[in-house]
Protein backbone atom coordinates (compact mmCIF):
# COMPACT_ATOMS: atom_id res chain seq x y z
CA MET A 1 -9.83 1.84 -14.95
CA LYS A 2 -8.03 2.92 -11.80
CA ILE A 3 -7.08 0.30 -9.22
CA LEU A 4 -5.92 0.91 -5.66
CA PHE A 5 -3.96 -2.04 -4.30
CA ALA A 6 -3.35 -1.79 -0.55
CA THR A 7 -0.49 -3.93 0.74
CA ASP A 8 1.02 -4.76 4.08
CA GLY A 9 3.82 -6.86 2.62
CA SER A 10 2.29 -10.10 3.88
CA ASP A 11 2.18 -13.38 1.99
CA ALA A 12 -1.56 -12.85 1.52
CA SER A 13 -0.98 -9.44 -0.08
CA ASN A 14 1.79 -10.79 -2.29
CA ALA A 15 -0.39 -13.69 -3.47
CA ALA A 16 -3.29 -11.34 -4.22
CA LEU A 17 -0.98 -9.06 -6.18
CA ALA A 18 0.29 -12.00 -8.20
CA ALA A 19 -3.31 -12.91 -9.01
CA LEU A 20 -4.05 -9.32 -10.03
CA ILE A 21 -0.97 -9.14 -12.25
CA ALA A 22 -2.01 -12.39 -13.94
CA ARG A 23 -5.41 -10.88 -14.71
CA LEU A 24 -4.41 -7.42 -15.94
CA GLY A 25 -4.94 -8.65 -19.50
CA TRP A 26 -8.64 -9.00 -18.73
CA PHE A 27 -9.06 -5.23 -18.78
CA ARG A 28 -9.81 -3.46 -22.06
CA GLU A 29 -7.12 -0.89 -21.30
CA VAL A 30 -4.13 -1.16 -18.99
CA PRO A 31 -5.38 0.01 -15.57
CA GLU A 32 -3.75 2.83 -13.65
CA LEU A 33 -2.39 1.11 -10.54
CA THR A 34 -1.78 2.79 -7.21
CA LEU A 35 0.12 0.77 -4.64
CA LEU A 36 -0.71 1.90 -1.10
CA THR A 37 0.67 0.99 2.29
CA VAL A 38 -0.61 2.35 5.56
CA HIS A 39 1.27 2.19 8.85
CA ALA A 40 -0.77 2.60 12.02
CA ALA A 41 0.27 5.67 13.97
CA ILE A 42 2.22 5.28 17.19
CA PRO A 43 -0.58 5.41 19.80
CA TYR A 44 1.37 7.22 22.51
CA LYS A 45 2.01 10.89 21.83
CA ALA A 46 4.59 11.06 24.60
CA ALA A 47 6.59 8.24 23.01
CA ALA A 48 6.34 9.90 19.61
CA ALA A 49 7.48 13.22 21.10
CA TRP A 50 10.36 11.51 22.89
CA ALA A 51 11.51 9.78 19.68
CA GLY A 52 11.43 13.05 17.79
CA LYS A 53 9.56 14.11 14.70
CA GLN A 54 12.33 13.23 12.21
CA ASN A 55 13.09 9.86 13.81
CA LEU A 56 9.41 8.98 13.73
CA ALA A 57 9.13 10.05 10.06
CA ASP A 58 12.20 7.93 9.25
CA TYR A 59 10.68 4.96 11.11
CA TYR A 60 7.39 5.23 9.20
CA ASP A 61 9.25 5.56 5.91
CA GLU A 62 11.46 2.52 6.59
CA GLU A 63 8.49 0.41 7.62
CA ALA A 64 6.51 1.51 4.55
CA GLU A 65 9.41 0.61 2.27
CA THR A 66 9.61 -2.83 3.89
CA MET A 67 5.89 -3.36 3.26
CA LEU A 68 6.07 -2.04 -0.32
CA SER A 69 9.26 -3.84 -1.34
CA PRO A 70 7.79 -7.22 -2.38
CA ALA A 71 4.99 -5.57 -4.37
CA ARG A 72 7.39 -3.14 -6.06
CA ALA A 73 9.58 -6.08 -7.09
CA SER A 74 6.64 -8.09 -8.46
CA LEU A 75 5.22 -5.18 -10.43
CA SER A 76 8.61 -4.18 -11.79
CA ALA A 77 9.35 -7.77 -12.84
CA ALA A 78 6.02 -7.87 -14.69
CA ASN A 79 6.70 -4.45 -16.30
CA VAL A 80 3.56 -3.01 -14.71
CA ALA A 81 3.58 0.75 -14.14
CA PHE A 82 2.40 1.92 -10.74
CA ASP A 83 2.44 4.82 -8.35
CA ALA A 84 3.39 4.09 -4.72
CA VAL A 85 1.77 5.94 -1.82
CA LYS A 86 2.70 5.77 1.86
CA ARG A 87 0.30 6.82 4.60
CA VAL A 88 0.20 6.83 8.38
CA GLY A 89 -3.09 6.38 10.22
CA GLU A 90 -6.01 4.00 10.51
CA PRO A 91 -5.63 1.65 7.51
CA ALA A 92 -9.32 1.45 6.55
CA ASP A 93 -9.74 5.22 6.74
CA GLU A 94 -6.57 5.89 4.76
CA ILE A 95 -7.49 3.35 2.07
CA ILE A 96 -10.87 5.01 1.58
CA HIS A 97 -9.36 8.49 1.67
CA CYS A 98 -6.72 7.58 -0.94
CA ALA A 99 -9.32 5.90 -3.15
CA SER A 100 -11.52 8.97 -2.97
CA GLU A 101 -8.63 11.34 -3.76
CA ARG A 102 -7.59 9.32 -6.77
CA GLY A 103 -11.06 8.44 -8.04
CA VAL A 104 -10.35 4.72 -8.19
CA ASP A 105 -12.77 2.19 -9.64
CA LEU A 106 -11.55 -0.86 -7.73
CA ILE A 107 -9.96 -1.32 -4.30
CA VAL A 108 -7.97 -4.48 -3.56
CA ALA A 109 -7.00 -4.76 0.14
CA PRO A 110 -5.93 -8.33 0.99
CA PHE A 111 -4.44 -8.02 4.45
CA ALA A 112 -3.37 -11.00 6.48
CA THR A 113 -4.93 -11.40 9.90
CA GLY A 114 -2.77 -10.86 12.93
CA ARG A 115 -0.35 -8.42 11.39
């Protein structure tokens, strides 16, 4: 079983991850878990060009780490192995693309509204 868990670092995502961790024993074998975060791309190409390619990459990476941090901590505390993936783009599209690439069986994407 391969599970893709998409997180935005919100309380809703963290609560859903806690529920998933509590239920991992329900699976016959320990699932392969991919932790995914997707940051929406900066919509203004001129602003992105002005900021610079490396600065923008650093920004996306810092934001992704902020979103992944609570989930990483929860999974590590529960001794659950996972692979973390960071993407930039339209969240729904990137979730589906990542799931397709990795051949996942289950997608969990509990995003809070308004974030």
